[in-house]
Structure formats: C-alpha cells, structure tokens
C-alpha cells in the first residue's frame, strides 16, 4: 500500500490509489502526491540554527521568554496568597 499526501492541507491517505476527494479539505485527486519519505518531526531541534538572525528578533524572543518566566513566579505567589486567605482551590 502506498501513502498519498494532499498538497493543500497535508492529509495523508493510505491505499493503492489516491482518493478521489480529500476528506479534510475536499481537494480533487490531482492534488495528491505520493509520500516519498517516512514519518518525521515537523520541527527538529538543532543547536545554532538561529545564527545570523536579525538581532531585533533575537532580543524579542529573549524578552518574551523572560516575561513568561517571571509570570510563573507571579502566579505561584498569587496562588500561595489565596491559599493563606482560605481559598485553596485557587
């Protein structure tokens, strides 16, 4: 059995022939291409892939990461205070 991938939405169908219509996006049979490689990850983690990236983008990522990390501490502090005030479900 072959696998066919819809070039419109990425749906993968298994069978000897491509389906007449994609069940996801209703694309026609001519939009299906044979799947040539095996299953893989949509994103692979590679060290150093962001080299040469615009410094403004990198700084924005760092700022967002630091903001999310500080929010976790704030949420923990608020939940502890709620527990002390008699609201353990929060």
C-alpha atoms as a PDB file:
ATOM      1  CA  UNK A   1       0.000   0.000   0.000  1.00  0.00           C
ATOM      2  CA  UNK A   2       1.192   3.489  -0.831  1.00  0.00           C
ATOM      3  CA  UNK A   3       0.669   6.657   1.092  1.00  0.00           C
ATOM      4  CA  UNK A   4      -0.592   9.815  -0.556  1.00  0.00           C
ATOM      5  CA  UNK A   5      -0.317  13.342   0.830  1.00  0.00           C
ATOM      6  CA  UNK A   6      -2.695  16.164  -0.034  1.00  0.00           C
ATOM      7  CA  UNK A   7      -0.688  19.164  -1.223  1.00  0.00           C
ATOM      8  CA  UNK A   8      -3.408  21.532   0.007  1.00  0.00           C
ATOM      9  CA  UNK A   9      -3.884  20.506   3.653  1.00  0.00           C
ATOM     10  CA  UNK A  10      -1.299  17.769   4.313  1.00  0.00           C
ATOM     11  CA  UNK A  11      -3.788  14.937   4.895  1.00  0.00           C
ATOM     12  CA  UNK A  12      -2.150  11.517   4.443  1.00  0.00           C
ATOM     13  CA  UNK A  13      -4.213   8.758   2.837  1.00  0.00           C
ATOM     14  CA  UNK A  14      -3.215   5.099   2.597  1.00  0.00           C
ATOM     15  CA  UNK A  15      -4.198   2.977  -0.384  1.00  0.00           C
ATOM     16  CA  UNK A  16      -3.149   1.708  -3.780  1.00  0.00           C
ATOM     17  CA  UNK A  17      -4.518   4.851  -5.431  1.00  0.00           C
ATOM     18  CA  UNK A  18      -5.071   8.406  -4.256  1.00  0.00           C
ATOM     19  CA  UNK A  19      -8.603   9.143  -3.026  1.00  0.00           C
ATOM     20  CA  UNK A  20     -10.936  10.952  -5.414  1.00  0.00           C
ATOM     21  CA  UNK A  21     -11.590  13.735  -2.891  1.00  0.00           C
ATOM     22  CA  UNK A  22      -9.653  14.763   0.222  1.00  0.00           C
ATOM     23  CA  UNK A  23     -11.831  14.130   3.303  1.00  0.00           C
ATOM     24  CA  UNK A  24     -10.304  17.146   5.071  1.00  0.00           C
ATOM     25  CA  UNK A  25     -10.310  19.965   2.520  1.00  0.00           C
ATOM     26  CA  UNK A  26     -12.304  18.445  -0.371  1.00  0.00           C
ATOM     27  CA  UNK A  27      -9.406  18.874  -2.840  1.00  0.00           C
ATOM     28  CA  UNK A  28      -9.537  16.771  -6.002  1.00  0.00           C
ATOM     29  CA  UNK A  29      -7.463  13.686  -6.770  1.00  0.00           C
ATOM     30  CA  UNK A  30      -4.870  15.632  -8.778  1.00  0.00           C
ATOM     31  CA  UNK A  31      -3.761  17.454  -5.597  1.00  0.00           C
ATOM     32  CA  UNK A  32      -2.487  14.194  -4.040  1.00  0.00           C
ATOM     33  CA  UNK A  33       1.201  13.357  -4.421  1.00  0.00           C
ATOM     34  CA  UNK A  34       2.901  10.099  -3.389  1.00  0.00           C
ATOM     35  CA  UNK A  35       4.552  10.283   0.019  1.00  0.00           C
ATOM     36  CA  UNK A  36       8.226   9.756  -0.681  1.00  0.00           C
ATOM     37  CA  UNK A  37       9.773   9.667   2.765  1.00  0.00           C
ATOM     38  CA  UNK A  38       8.832   8.173   6.087  1.00  0.00           C
ATOM     39  CA  UNK A  39       7.282   9.960   9.008  1.00  0.00           C
ATOM     40  CA  UNK A  40       9.383  12.650  10.620  1.00  0.00           C
ATOM     41  CA  UNK A  41       9.148  15.522  13.014  1.00  0.00           C
ATOM     42  CA  UNK A  42       7.566  18.764  11.853  1.00  0.00           C
ATOM     43  CA  UNK A  43      10.373  20.620  13.602  1.00  0.00           C
ATOM     44  CA  UNK A  44      13.772  19.281  14.517  1.00  0.00           C
ATOM     45  CA  UNK A  45      15.812  20.798  17.300  1.00  0.00           C
ATOM     46  CA  UNK A  46      19.178  21.868  16.020  1.00  0.00           C
ATOM     47  CA  UNK A  47      21.701  23.886  18.004  1.00  0.00           C
ATOM     48  CA  UNK A  48      22.883  27.042  16.278  1.00  0.00           C
ATOM     49  CA  UNK A  49      20.130  27.240  13.694  1.00  0.00           C
ATOM     50  CA  UNK A  50      19.407  30.898  14.532  1.00  0.00           C
ATOM     51  CA  UNK A  51      22.906  32.142  13.678  1.00  0.00           C
ATOM     52  CA  UNK A  52      22.798  35.243  11.520  1.00  0.00           C
ATOM     53  CA  UNK A  53      19.243  36.082  12.591  1.00  0.00           C
ATOM     54  CA  UNK A  54      18.236  39.729  12.924  1.00  0.00           C
ATOM     55  CA  UNK A  55      19.329  40.912  16.419  1.00  0.00           C
ATOM     56  CA  UNK A  56      15.944  42.587  16.957  1.00  0.00           C
ATOM     57  CA  UNK A  57      14.179  39.234  16.509  1.00  0.00           C
ATOM     58  CA  UNK A  58      16.562  37.513  18.920  1.00  0.00           C
ATOM     59  CA  UNK A  59      16.074  40.269  21.512  1.00  0.00           C
ATOM     60  CA  UNK A  60      12.296  39.968  21.139  1.00  0.00           C
ATOM     61  CA  UNK A  61      12.480  36.221  21.759  1.00  0.00           C
ATOM     62  CA  UNK A  62      14.654  36.753  24.840  1.00  0.00           C
ATOM     63  CA  UNK A  63      12.283  39.418  26.195  1.00  0.00           C
ATOM     64  CA  UNK A  64       9.220  37.207  25.680  1.00  0.00           C
ATOM     65  CA  UNK A  65      10.941  34.242  27.338  1.00  0.00           C
ATOM     66  CA  UNK A  66      11.950  36.324  30.355  1.00  0.00           C
ATOM     67  CA  UNK A  67       8.433  37.745  30.623  1.00  0.00           C
ATOM     68  CA  UNK A  68       6.856  34.288  30.621  1.00  0.00           C
ATOM     69  CA  UNK A  69       9.321  33.059  33.243  1.00  0.00           C
ATOM     70  CA  UNK A  70       8.553  35.967  35.582  1.00  0.00           C
ATOM     71  CA  UNK A  71       4.798  35.442  35.145  1.00  0.00           C
ATOM     72  CA  UNK A  72       5.119  31.907  36.502  1.00  0.00           C
ATOM     73  CA  UNK A  73       6.597  33.290  39.711  1.00  0.00           C
ATOM     74  CA  UNK A  74       3.798  35.834  39.976  1.00  0.00           C
ATOM     75  CA  UNK A  75       1.129  33.146  39.537  1.00  0.00           C
ATOM     76  CA  UNK A  76       2.767  30.988  42.212  1.00  0.00           C
ATOM     77  CA  UNK A  77       2.878  33.934  44.608  1.00  0.00           C
ATOM     78  CA  UNK A  78      -0.793  34.759  43.989  1.00  0.00           C
ATOM     79  CA  UNK A  79      -1.871  31.138  44.493  1.00  0.00           C
ATOM     80  CA  UNK A  80       0.063  30.919  47.773  1.00  0.00           C
ATOM     81  CA  UNK A  81      -1.558  34.131  48.988  1.00  0.00           C
ATOM     82  CA  UNK A  82      -5.003  32.798  48.049  1.00  0.00           C
ATOM     83  CA  UNK A  83      -4.245  29.602  49.987  1.00  0.00           C
ATOM     84  CA  UNK A  84      -3.268  31.648  53.055  1.00  0.00           C
ATOM     85  CA  UNK A  85      -6.521  33.607  52.771  1.00  0.00           C
ATOM     86  CA  UNK A  86      -8.595  30.418  52.773  1.00  0.00           C
ATOM     87  CA  UNK A  87      -9.076  29.772  49.064  1.00  0.00           C
ATOM     88  CA  UNK A  88      -7.118  26.533  48.480  1.00  0.00           C
ATOM     89  CA  UNK A  89      -8.961  25.750  45.224  1.00  0.00           C
ATOM     90  CA  UNK A  90      -7.157  28.649  43.536  1.00  0.00           C
END
